[in-house]
mmCIF file of all heavy atoms, coordinates in Angstrom:
data_MODEL
# 
_entry.id   MODEL 
# 
loop_
_atom_site.group_PDB 
_atom_site.id 
_atom_site.type_symbol 
_atom_site.label_atom_id 
_atom_site.label_alt_id 
_atom_site.label_comp_id 
_atom_site.label_asym_id 
_atom_site.label_entity_id 
_atom_site.label_seq_id 
_atom_site.pdbx_PDB_ins_code 
_atom_site.Cartn_x 
_atom_site.Cartn_y 
_atom_site.Cartn_z 
_atom_site.occupancy 
_atom_site.B_iso_or_equiv 
_atom_site.pdbx_formal_charge 
_atom_site.auth_seq_id 
_atom_site.auth_comp_id 
_atom_site.auth_asym_id 
_atom_site.auth_atom_id 
_atom_site.pdbx_PDB_model_num 
ATOM 1   N N   . THR A 1 1  ? 0.837   -1.185 -0.009 1.00 0.00 ? 1  THR A N   1 
ATOM 2   C CA  . THR A 1 1  ? 0.000   0.011  -0.006 1.00 0.00 ? 1  THR A CA  1 
ATOM 3   C C   . THR A 1 1  ? 0.888   1.234  -0.012 1.00 0.00 ? 1  THR A C   1 
ATOM 4   O O   . THR A 1 1  ? 1.659   1.462  0.939  1.00 0.00 ? 1  THR A O   1 
ATOM 5   C CB  . THR A 1 1  ? -0.928  0.011  1.213  1.00 0.00 ? 1  THR A CB  1 
ATOM 6   O OG1 . THR A 1 1  ? -1.807  -1.104 1.187  1.00 0.00 ? 1  THR A OG1 1 
ATOM 7   C CG2 . THR A 1 1  ? -1.786  1.297  1.232  1.00 0.00 ? 1  THR A CG2 1 
ATOM 8   N N   . LEU A 1 2  ? 0.781   2.030  -1.057 1.00 0.00 ? 2  LEU A N   1 
ATOM 9   C CA  . LEU A 1 2  ? 1.624   3.213  -1.206 1.00 0.00 ? 2  LEU A CA  1 
ATOM 10  C C   . LEU A 1 2  ? 1.028   4.455  -0.559 1.00 0.00 ? 2  LEU A C   1 
ATOM 11  O O   . LEU A 1 2  ? 1.736   5.327  -0.110 1.00 0.00 ? 2  LEU A O   1 
ATOM 12  C CB  . LEU A 1 2  ? 1.874   3.467  -2.701 1.00 0.00 ? 2  LEU A CB  1 
ATOM 13  C CG  . LEU A 1 2  ? 2.566   2.334  -3.465 1.00 0.00 ? 2  LEU A CG  1 
ATOM 14  C CD1 . LEU A 1 2  ? 2.718   2.747  -4.916 1.00 0.00 ? 2  LEU A CD1 1 
ATOM 15  C CD2 . LEU A 1 2  ? 3.907   2.004  -2.862 1.00 0.00 ? 2  LEU A CD2 1 
ATOM 16  N N   . ALA A 1 3  ? -0.320  4.546  -0.585 1.00 0.00 ? 3  ALA A N   1 
ATOM 17  C CA  . ALA A 1 3  ? -0.975  5.737  -0.056 1.00 0.00 ? 3  ALA A CA  1 
ATOM 18  C C   . ALA A 1 3  ? -2.427  5.437  0.276  1.00 0.00 ? 3  ALA A C   1 
ATOM 19  O O   . ALA A 1 3  ? -3.066  4.586  -0.336 1.00 0.00 ? 3  ALA A O   1 
ATOM 20  C CB  . ALA A 1 3  ? -0.889  6.890  -1.063 1.00 0.00 ? 3  ALA A CB  1 
ATOM 21  N N   . VAL A 1 4  ? -2.937  6.187  1.253  1.00 0.00 ? 4  VAL A N   1 
ATOM 22  C CA  . VAL A 1 4  ? -4.367  6.186  1.575  1.00 0.00 ? 4  VAL A CA  1 
ATOM 23  C C   . VAL A 1 4  ? -4.956  7.464  1.013  1.00 0.00 ? 4  VAL A C   1 
ATOM 24  O O   . VAL A 1 4  ? -4.491  8.547  1.341  1.00 0.00 ? 4  VAL A O   1 
ATOM 25  C CB  . VAL A 1 4  ? -4.623  6.094  3.090  1.00 0.00 ? 4  VAL A CB  1 
ATOM 26  C CG1 . VAL A 1 4  ? -6.116  6.148  3.383  1.00 0.00 ? 4  VAL A CG1 1 
ATOM 27  C CG2 . VAL A 1 4  ? -4.012  4.815  3.651  1.00 0.00 ? 4  VAL A CG2 1 
ATOM 28  N N   . LEU A 1 5  ? -5.914  7.338  0.119  1.00 0.00 ? 5  LEU A N   1 
ATOM 29  C CA  . LEU A 1 5  ? -6.460  8.511  -0.581 1.00 0.00 ? 5  LEU A CA  1 
ATOM 30  C C   . LEU A 1 5  ? -7.772  8.944  0.048  1.00 0.00 ? 5  LEU A C   1 
ATOM 31  O O   . LEU A 1 5  ? -8.709  8.133  0.140  1.00 0.00 ? 5  LEU A O   1 
ATOM 32  C CB  . LEU A 1 5  ? -6.679  8.156  -2.072 1.00 0.00 ? 5  LEU A CB  1 
ATOM 33  C CG  . LEU A 1 5  ? -5.478  7.540  -2.774 1.00 0.00 ? 5  LEU A CG  1 
ATOM 34  C CD1 . LEU A 1 5  ? -5.871  7.144  -4.196 1.00 0.00 ? 5  LEU A CD1 1 
ATOM 35  C CD2 . LEU A 1 5  ? -4.315  8.512  -2.794 1.00 0.00 ? 5  LEU A CD2 1 
ATOM 36  N N   . PRO A 1 6  ? -7.874  10.199 0.500  1.00 0.00 ? 6  PRO A N   1 
ATOM 37  C CA  . PRO A 1 6  ? -9.112  10.645 1.075  1.00 0.00 ? 6  PRO A CA  1 
ATOM 38  C C   . PRO A 1 6  ? -10.246 10.669 0.040  1.00 0.00 ? 6  PRO A C   1 
ATOM 39  O O   . PRO A 1 6  ? -9.993  10.973 -1.127 1.00 0.00 ? 6  PRO A O   1 
ATOM 40  C CB  . PRO A 1 6  ? -8.801  12.072 1.567  1.00 0.00 ? 6  PRO A CB  1 
ATOM 41  C CG  . PRO A 1 6  ? -7.646  12.485 0.701  1.00 0.00 ? 6  PRO A CG  1 
ATOM 42  C CD  . PRO A 1 6  ? -6.845  11.235 0.462  1.00 0.00 ? 6  PRO A CD  1 
ATOM 43  N N   . SER A 1 7  ? -11.432 10.338 0.463  1.00 0.00 ? 7  SER A N   1 
ATOM 44  C CA  . SER A 1 7  ? -12.545 10.326 -0.460 1.00 0.00 ? 7  SER A CA  1 
ATOM 45  C C   . SER A 1 7  ? -13.028 11.744 -0.734 1.00 0.00 ? 7  SER A C   1 
ATOM 46  O O   . SER A 1 7  ? -13.086 12.584 0.174  1.00 0.00 ? 7  SER A O   1 
ATOM 47  C CB  . SER A 1 7  ? -13.716 9.504  0.140  1.00 0.00 ? 7  SER A CB  1 
ATOM 48  O OG  . SER A 1 7  ? -14.860 9.666  -0.652 1.00 0.00 ? 7  SER A OG  1 
ATOM 49  N N   . PRO A 1 8  ? -13.364 12.060 -1.990 1.00 0.00 ? 8  PRO A N   1 
ATOM 50  C CA  . PRO A 1 8  ? -13.914 13.378 -2.319 1.00 0.00 ? 8  PRO A CA  1 
ATOM 51  C C   . PRO A 1 8  ? -15.399 13.470 -1.971 1.00 0.00 ? 8  PRO A C   1 
ATOM 52  O O   . PRO A 1 8  ? -15.969 14.563 -2.083 1.00 0.00 ? 8  PRO A O   1 
ATOM 53  C CB  . PRO A 1 8  ? -13.704 13.457 -3.839 1.00 0.00 ? 8  PRO A CB  1 
ATOM 54  C CG  . PRO A 1 8  ? -13.808 12.033 -4.299 1.00 0.00 ? 8  PRO A CG  1 
ATOM 55  C CD  . PRO A 1 8  ? -13.180 11.219 -3.192 1.00 0.00 ? 8  PRO A CD  1 
ATOM 56  N N   . ARG A 1 9  ? -15.991 12.364 -1.553 1.00 0.00 ? 9  ARG A N   1 
ATOM 57  C CA  . ARG A 1 9  ? -17.449 12.340 -1.296 1.00 0.00 ? 9  ARG A CA  1 
ATOM 58  C C   . ARG A 1 9  ? -17.724 12.378 0.204  1.00 0.00 ? 9  ARG A C   1 
ATOM 59  O O   . ARG A 1 9  ? -16.923 11.897 1.011  1.00 0.00 ? 9  ARG A O   1 
ATOM 60  C CB  . ARG A 1 9  ? -18.079 11.117 -1.912 1.00 0.00 ? 9  ARG A CB  1 
ATOM 61  C CG  . ARG A 1 9  ? -17.840 10.991 -3.426 1.00 0.00 ? 9  ARG A CG  1 
ATOM 62  C CD  . ARG A 1 9  ? -18.355 9.662  -3.898 1.00 0.00 ? 9  ARG A CD  1 
ATOM 63  N NE  . ARG A 1 9  ? -19.776 9.494  -3.648 1.00 0.00 ? 9  ARG A NE  1 
ATOM 64  C CZ  . ARG A 1 9  ? -20.366 8.309  -3.656 1.00 0.00 ? 9  ARG A CZ  1 
ATOM 65  N NH1 . ARG A 1 9  ? -19.702 7.229  -3.870 1.00 0.00 ? 9  ARG A NH1 1 
ATOM 66  N NH2 . ARG A 1 9  ? -21.695 8.243  -3.439 1.00 0.00 ? 9  ARG A NH2 1 
ATOM 67  N N   . ARG A 1 10 ? -18.874 12.936 0.576  1.00 0.00 ? 10 ARG A N   1 
ATOM 68  C CA  . ARG A 1 10 ? -19.338 12.914 1.963  1.00 0.00 ? 10 ARG A CA  1 
ATOM 69  C C   . ARG A 1 10 ? -20.819 12.589 1.959  1.00 0.00 ? 10 ARG A C   1 
ATOM 70  O O   . ARG A 1 10 ? -21.529 12.850 0.985  1.00 0.00 ? 10 ARG A O   1 
ATOM 71  C CB  . ARG A 1 10 ? -19.119 14.284 2.644  1.00 0.00 ? 10 ARG A CB  1 
ATOM 72  C CG  . ARG A 1 10 ? -17.654 14.652 2.813  1.00 0.00 ? 10 ARG A CG  1 
ATOM 73  C CD  . ARG A 1 10 ? -17.532 16.089 3.239  1.00 0.00 ? 10 ARG A CD  1 
ATOM 74  N NE  . ARG A 1 10 ? -18.072 16.363 4.577  1.00 0.00 ? 10 ARG A NE  1 
ATOM 75  C CZ  . ARG A 1 10 ? -17.394 16.181 5.689  1.00 0.00 ? 10 ARG A CZ  1 
ATOM 76  N NH1 . ARG A 1 10 ? -16.186 15.705 5.650  1.00 0.00 ? 10 ARG A NH1 1 
ATOM 77  N NH2 . ARG A 1 10 ? -17.951 16.491 6.850  1.00 0.00 ? 10 ARG A NH2 1 
ATOM 78  N N   . TRP A 1 11 ? -21.294 11.976 3.043  1.00 0.00 ? 11 TRP A N   1 
ATOM 79  C CA  . TRP A 1 11 ? -22.706 11.721 3.129  1.00 0.00 ? 11 TRP A CA  1 
ATOM 80  C C   . TRP A 1 11 ? -23.191 12.004 4.533  1.00 0.00 ? 11 TRP A C   1 
ATOM 81  O O   . TRP A 1 11 ? -22.422 12.043 5.467  1.00 0.00 ? 11 TRP A O   1 
ATOM 82  C CB  . TRP A 1 11 ? -23.031 10.288 2.720  1.00 0.00 ? 11 TRP A CB  1 
ATOM 83  C CG  . TRP A 1 11 ? -22.723 9.232  3.744  1.00 0.00 ? 11 TRP A CG  1 
ATOM 84  C CD1 . TRP A 1 11 ? -23.444 8.838  4.805  1.00 0.00 ? 11 TRP A CD1 1 
ATOM 85  C CD2 . TRP A 1 11 ? -21.521 8.416  3.762  1.00 0.00 ? 11 TRP A CD2 1 
ATOM 86  N NE1 . TRP A 1 11 ? -22.830 7.861  5.493  1.00 0.00 ? 11 TRP A NE1 1 
ATOM 87  C CE2 . TRP A 1 11 ? -21.651 7.567  4.883  1.00 0.00 ? 11 TRP A CE2 1 
ATOM 88  C CE3 . TRP A 1 11 ? -20.377 8.329  2.962  1.00 0.00 ? 11 TRP A CE3 1 
ATOM 89  C CZ2 . TRP A 1 11 ? -20.678 6.637  5.200  1.00 0.00 ? 11 TRP A CZ2 1 
ATOM 90  C CZ3 . TRP A 1 11 ? -19.428 7.401  3.291  1.00 0.00 ? 11 TRP A CZ3 1 
ATOM 91  C CH2 . TRP A 1 11 ? -19.568 6.576  4.377  1.00 0.00 ? 11 TRP A CH2 1 
ATOM 92  N N   . ARG A 1 12 ? -24.498 12.181 4.656  1.00 0.00 ? 12 ARG A N   1 
ATOM 93  C CA  . ARG A 1 12 ? -25.068 12.486 5.972  1.00 0.00 ? 12 ARG A CA  1 
ATOM 94  C C   . ARG A 1 12 ? -25.516 11.217 6.641  1.00 0.00 ? 12 ARG A C   1 
ATOM 95  O O   . ARG A 1 12 ? -26.252 10.415 6.073  1.00 0.00 ? 12 ARG A O   1 
ATOM 96  C CB  . ARG A 1 12 ? -26.253 13.452 5.781  1.00 0.00 ? 12 ARG A CB  1 
ATOM 97  C CG  . ARG A 1 12 ? -26.810 13.958 7.122  1.00 0.00 ? 12 ARG A CG  1 
ATOM 98  C CD  . ARG A 1 12 ? -27.821 15.070 6.877  1.00 0.00 ? 12 ARG A CD  1 
ATOM 99  N NE  . ARG A 1 12 ? -27.208 16.259 6.306  1.00 0.00 ? 12 ARG A NE  1 
ATOM 100 C CZ  . ARG A 1 12 ? -26.581 17.170 7.023  1.00 0.00 ? 12 ARG A CZ  1 
ATOM 101 N NH1 . ARG A 1 12 ? -26.467 17.029 8.318  1.00 0.00 ? 12 ARG A NH1 1 
ATOM 102 N NH2 . ARG A 1 12 ? -26.041 18.217 6.452  1.00 0.00 ? 12 ARG A NH2 1 
ATOM 103 N N   . HIS A 1 13 ? -25.038 11.035 7.865  1.00 0.00 ? 13 HIS A N   1 
ATOM 104 C CA  . HIS A 1 13 ? -25.351 9.814  8.635  1.00 0.00 ? 13 HIS A CA  1 
ATOM 105 C C   . HIS A 1 13 ? -26.164 10.180 9.871  1.00 0.00 ? 13 HIS A C   1 
ATOM 106 O O   . HIS A 1 13 ? -25.752 10.994 10.670 1.00 0.00 ? 13 HIS A O   1 
ATOM 107 C CB  . HIS A 1 13 ? -24.049 9.103  9.054  1.00 0.00 ? 13 HIS A CB  1 
ATOM 108 C CG  . HIS A 1 13 ? -24.238 7.987  10.020 1.00 0.00 ? 13 HIS A CG  1 
ATOM 109 N ND1 . HIS A 1 13 ? -24.811 6.806  9.665  1.00 0.00 ? 13 HIS A ND1 1 
ATOM 110 C CD2 . HIS A 1 13 ? -23.935 7.906  11.338 1.00 0.00 ? 13 HIS A CD2 1 
ATOM 111 C CE1 . HIS A 1 13 ? -24.842 6.024  10.736 1.00 0.00 ? 13 HIS A CE1 1 
ATOM 112 N NE2 . HIS A 1 13 ? -24.324 6.659  11.737 1.00 0.00 ? 13 HIS A NE2 1 
ATOM 113 N N   . ALA A 1 14 ? -27.323 9.563  10.013 1.00 0.00 ? 14 ALA A N   1 
ATOM 114 C CA  . ALA A 1 14 ? -28.194 9.846  11.164 1.00 0.00 ? 14 ALA A CA  1 
ATOM 115 C C   . ALA A 1 14 ? -27.904 8.859  12.278 1.00 0.00 ? 14 ALA A C   1 
ATOM 116 O O   . ALA A 1 14 ? -27.837 7.650  12.049 1.00 0.00 ? 14 ALA A O   1 
ATOM 117 C CB  . ALA A 1 14 ? -29.650 9.759  10.739 1.00 0.00 ? 14 ALA A CB  1 
ATOM 118 N N   . ALA A 1 15 ? -27.707 9.373  13.520 1.00 0.00 ? 15 ALA A N   1 
ATOM 119 C CA  . ALA A 1 15 ? -27.443 8.509  14.663 1.00 0.00 ? 15 ALA A CA  1 
ATOM 120 C C   . ALA A 1 15 ? -28.339 8.928  15.816 1.00 0.00 ? 15 ALA A C   1 
ATOM 121 O O   . ALA A 1 15 ? -28.754 10.063 15.939 1.00 0.00 ? 15 ALA A O   1 
ATOM 122 C CB  . ALA A 1 15 ? -25.994 8.638  15.102 1.00 0.00 ? 15 ALA A CB  1 
ATOM 123 N N   . THR A 1 16 ? -28.689 7.966  16.725 1.00 0.00 ? 16 THR A N   1 
ATOM 124 C CA  . THR A 1 16 ? -29.578 8.236  17.818 1.00 0.00 ? 16 THR A CA  1 
ATOM 125 C C   . THR A 1 16 ? -28.823 8.889  18.968 1.00 0.00 ? 16 THR A C   1 
ATOM 126 O O   . THR A 1 16 ? -27.726 8.469  19.343 1.00 0.00 ? 16 THR A O   1 
ATOM 127 C CB  . THR A 1 16 ? -30.217 6.938  18.322 1.00 0.00 ? 16 THR A CB  1 
ATOM 128 O OG1 . THR A 1 16 ? -30.945 6.361  17.255 1.00 0.00 ? 16 THR A OG1 1 
ATOM 129 C CG2 . THR A 1 16 ? -31.131 7.184  19.492 1.00 0.00 ? 16 THR A CG2 1 
ATOM 130 N N   . ARG A 1 17 ? -29.436 9.923  19.553 1.00 0.00 ? 17 ARG A N   1 
ATOM 131 C CA  . ARG A 1 17 ? -28.845 10.612 20.717 1.00 0.00 ? 17 ARG A CA  1 
ATOM 132 C C   . ARG A 1 17 ? -29.739 10.296 21.911 1.00 0.00 ? 17 ARG A C   1 
ATOM 133 O O   . ARG A 1 17 ? -30.826 10.870 22.063 1.00 0.00 ? 17 ARG A O   1 
ATOM 134 C CB  . ARG A 1 17 ? -28.736 12.106 20.484 1.00 0.00 ? 17 ARG A CB  1 
ATOM 135 C CG  . ARG A 1 17 ? -28.095 12.850 21.654 1.00 0.00 ? 17 ARG A CG  1 
ATOM 136 C CD  . ARG A 1 17 ? -28.451 14.322 21.619 1.00 0.00 ? 17 ARG A CD  1 
ATOM 137 N NE  . ARG A 1 17 ? -27.867 14.954 20.455 1.00 0.00 ? 17 ARG A NE  1 
ATOM 138 C CZ  . ARG A 1 17 ? -28.177 16.198 20.127 1.00 0.00 ? 17 ARG A CZ  1 
ATOM 139 N NH1 . ARG A 1 17 ? -29.043 16.891 20.847 1.00 0.00 ? 17 ARG A NH1 1 
ATOM 140 N NH2 . ARG A 1 17 ? -27.667 16.747 19.058 1.00 0.00 ? 17 ARG A NH2 1 
ATOM 141 N N   . SER A 1 18 ? -29.347 9.376  22.762 1.00 0.00 ? 18 SER A N   1 
ATOM 142 C CA  . SER A 1 18 ? -30.221 8.889  23.869 1.00 0.00 ? 18 SER A CA  1 
ATOM 143 C C   . SER A 1 18 ? -30.422 9.924  24.966 1.00 0.00 ? 18 SER A C   1 
ATOM 144 O O   . SER A 1 18 ? -31.371 9.854  25.694 1.00 0.00 ? 18 SER A O   1 
ATOM 145 C CB  . SER A 1 18 ? -29.599 7.625  24.467 1.00 0.00 ? 18 SER A CB  1 
ATOM 146 O OG  . SER A 1 18 ? -28.302 7.884  24.952 1.00 0.00 ? 18 SER A OG  1 
ATOM 147 N N   . THR A 1 19 ? -29.532 10.918 25.079 1.00 0.00 ? 19 THR A N   1 
ATOM 148 C CA  . THR A 1 19 ? -29.629 11.877 26.181 1.00 0.00 ? 19 THR A CA  1 
ATOM 149 C C   . THR A 1 19 ? -30.400 13.145 25.751 1.00 0.00 ? 19 THR A C   1 
ATOM 150 O O   . THR A 1 19 ? -30.521 14.062 26.545 1.00 0.00 ? 19 THR A O   1 
ATOM 151 C CB  . THR A 1 19 ? -28.206 12.292 26.614 1.00 0.00 ? 19 THR A CB  1 
ATOM 152 O OG1 . THR A 1 19 ? -27.494 12.830 25.502 1.00 0.00 ? 19 THR A OG1 1 
ATOM 153 C CG2 . THR A 1 19 ? -27.451 11.112 27.164 1.00 0.00 ? 19 THR A CG2 1 
ATOM 154 N N   . SER A 1 20 ? -30.912 13.161 24.564 1.00 0.00 ? 20 SER A N   1 
ATOM 155 C CA  . SER A 1 20 ? -31.585 14.351 24.088 1.00 0.00 ? 20 SER A CA  1 
ATOM 156 C C   . SER A 1 20 ? -33.067 14.084 23.788 1.00 0.00 ? 20 SER A C   1 
ATOM 157 O O   . SER A 1 20 ? -33.431 13.055 23.285 1.00 0.00 ? 20 SER A O   1 
ATOM 158 C CB  . SER A 1 20 ? -30.915 14.886 22.800 1.00 0.00 ? 20 SER A CB  1 
ATOM 159 O OG  . SER A 1 20 ? -31.667 15.891 22.187 1.00 0.00 ? 20 SER A OG  1 
ATOM 160 N N   . ALA A 1 21 ? -33.897 15.081 24.139 1.00 0.00 ? 21 ALA A N   1 
ATOM 161 C CA  . ALA A 1 21 ? -35.322 14.946 23.835 1.00 0.00 ? 21 ALA A CA  1 
ATOM 162 C C   . ALA A 1 21 ? -35.570 14.959 22.339 1.00 0.00 ? 21 ALA A C   1 
ATOM 163 O O   . ALA A 1 21 ? -36.585 14.445 21.851 1.00 0.00 ? 21 ALA A O   1 
ATOM 164 C CB  . ALA A 1 21 ? -36.099 16.066 24.527 1.00 0.00 ? 21 ALA A CB  1 
ATOM 165 N N   . ALA A 1 22 ? -34.659 15.571 21.601 1.00 0.00 ? 22 ALA A N   1 
ATOM 166 C CA  . ALA A 1 22 ? -34.803 15.622 20.153 1.00 0.00 ? 22 ALA A CA  1 
ATOM 167 C C   . ALA A 1 22 ? -34.663 14.216 19.530 1.00 0.00 ? 22 ALA A C   1 
ATOM 168 O O   . ALA A 1 22 ? -35.251 13.955 18.479 1.00 0.00 ? 22 ALA A O   1 
ATOM 169 C CB  . ALA A 1 22 ? -33.755 16.550 19.539 1.00 0.00 ? 22 ALA A CB  1 
ATOM 170 N N   . GLY A 1 23 ? -33.898 13.369 20.191 1.00 0.00 ? 23 GLY A N   1 
ATOM 171 C CA  . GLY A 1 23 ? -33.844 11.976 19.777 1.00 0.00 ? 23 GLY A CA  1 
ATOM 172 C C   . GLY A 1 23 ? -32.834 11.667 18.685 1.00 0.00 ? 23 GLY A C   1 
ATOM 173 O O   . GLY A 1 23 ? -32.345 10.534 18.608 1.00 0.00 ? 23 GLY A O   1 
ATOM 174 N N   . ARG A 1 24 ? -32.497 12.608 17.803 1.00 0.00 ? 24 ARG A N   1 
ATOM 175 C CA  . ARG A 1 24 ? -31.595 12.317 16.692 1.00 0.00 ? 24 ARG A CA  1 
ATOM 176 C C   . ARG A 1 24 ? -30.615 13.456 16.491 1.00 0.00 ? 24 ARG A C   1 
ATOM 177 O O   . ARG A 1 24 ? -30.918 14.613 16.761 1.00 0.00 ? 24 ARG A O   1 
ATOM 178 C CB  . ARG A 1 24 ? -32.385 12.055 15.412 1.00 0.00 ? 24 ARG A CB  1 
ATOM 179 C CG  . ARG A 1 24 ? -33.344 10.893 15.459 1.00 0.00 ? 24 ARG A CG  1 
ATOM 180 C CD  . ARG A 1 24 ? -33.991 10.655 14.114 1.00 0.00 ? 24 ARG A CD  1 
ATOM 181 N NE  . ARG A 1 24 ? -33.053 10.172 13.129 1.00 0.00 ? 24 ARG A NE  1 
ATOM 182 C CZ  . ARG A 1 24 ? -32.773 8.857  13.001 1.00 0.00 ? 24 ARG A CZ  1 
ATOM 183 N NH1 . ARG A 1 24 ? -33.305 7.980  13.817 1.00 0.00 ? 24 ARG A NH1 1 
ATOM 184 N NH2 . ARG A 1 24 ? -31.912 8.450  12.068 1.00 0.00 ? 24 ARG A NH2 1 
ATOM 185 N N   . ILE A 1 25 ? -29.486 13.120 15.948 1.00 0.00 ? 25 ILE A N   1 
ATOM 186 C CA  . ILE A 1 25 ? -28.511 14.133 15.573 1.00 0.00 ? 25 ILE A CA  1 
ATOM 187 C C   . ILE A 1 25 ? -27.899 13.715 14.248 1.00 0.00 ? 25 ILE A C   1 
ATOM 188 O O   . ILE A 1 25 ? -27.656 12.537 14.001 1.00 0.00 ? 25 ILE A O   1 
ATOM 189 C CB  . ILE A 1 25 ? -27.398 14.262 16.659 1.00 0.00 ? 25 ILE A CB  1 
ATOM 190 C CG1 . ILE A 1 25 ? -26.407 15.380 16.245 1.00 0.00 ? 25 ILE A CG1 1 
ATOM 191 C CG2 . ILE A 1 25 ? -26.665 12.950 16.903 1.00 0.00 ? 25 ILE A CG2 1 
ATOM 192 C CD1 . ILE A 1 25 ? -25.406 15.703 17.335 1.00 0.00 ? 25 ILE A CD1 1 
ATOM 193 N N   . ASP A 1 26 ? -27.704 14.654 13.351 1.00 0.00 ? 26 ASP A N   1 
ATOM 194 C CA  . ASP A 1 26 ? -27.080 14.362 12.059 1.00 0.00 ? 26 ASP A CA  1 
ATOM 195 C C   . ASP A 1 26 ? -25.595 14.575 12.148 1.00 0.00 ? 26 ASP A C   1 
ATOM 196 O O   . ASP A 1 26 ? -25.112 15.605 12.672 1.00 0.00 ? 26 ASP A O   1 
ATOM 197 C CB  . ASP A 1 26 ? -27.665 15.289 10.984 1.00 0.00 ? 26 ASP A CB  1 
ATOM 198 C CG  . ASP A 1 26 ? -29.063 14.879 10.610 1.00 0.00 ? 26 ASP A CG  1 
ATOM 199 O OD1 . ASP A 1 26 ? -29.394 13.689 10.818 1.00 0.00 ? 26 ASP A OD1 1 
ATOM 200 O OD2 . ASP A 1 26 ? -29.807 15.736 10.071 1.00 0.00 ? 26 ASP A OD2 1 
# 
C-alpha cells in the first residue's frame, strides 16, 4: 500500500442521541 487516498465524497449519517429529547442528531 503506497498511499491512503481521502474520499472526495461525503454523506449524511443519522445517529440516535439517547440523552436528548430531540432523539436524533445528524
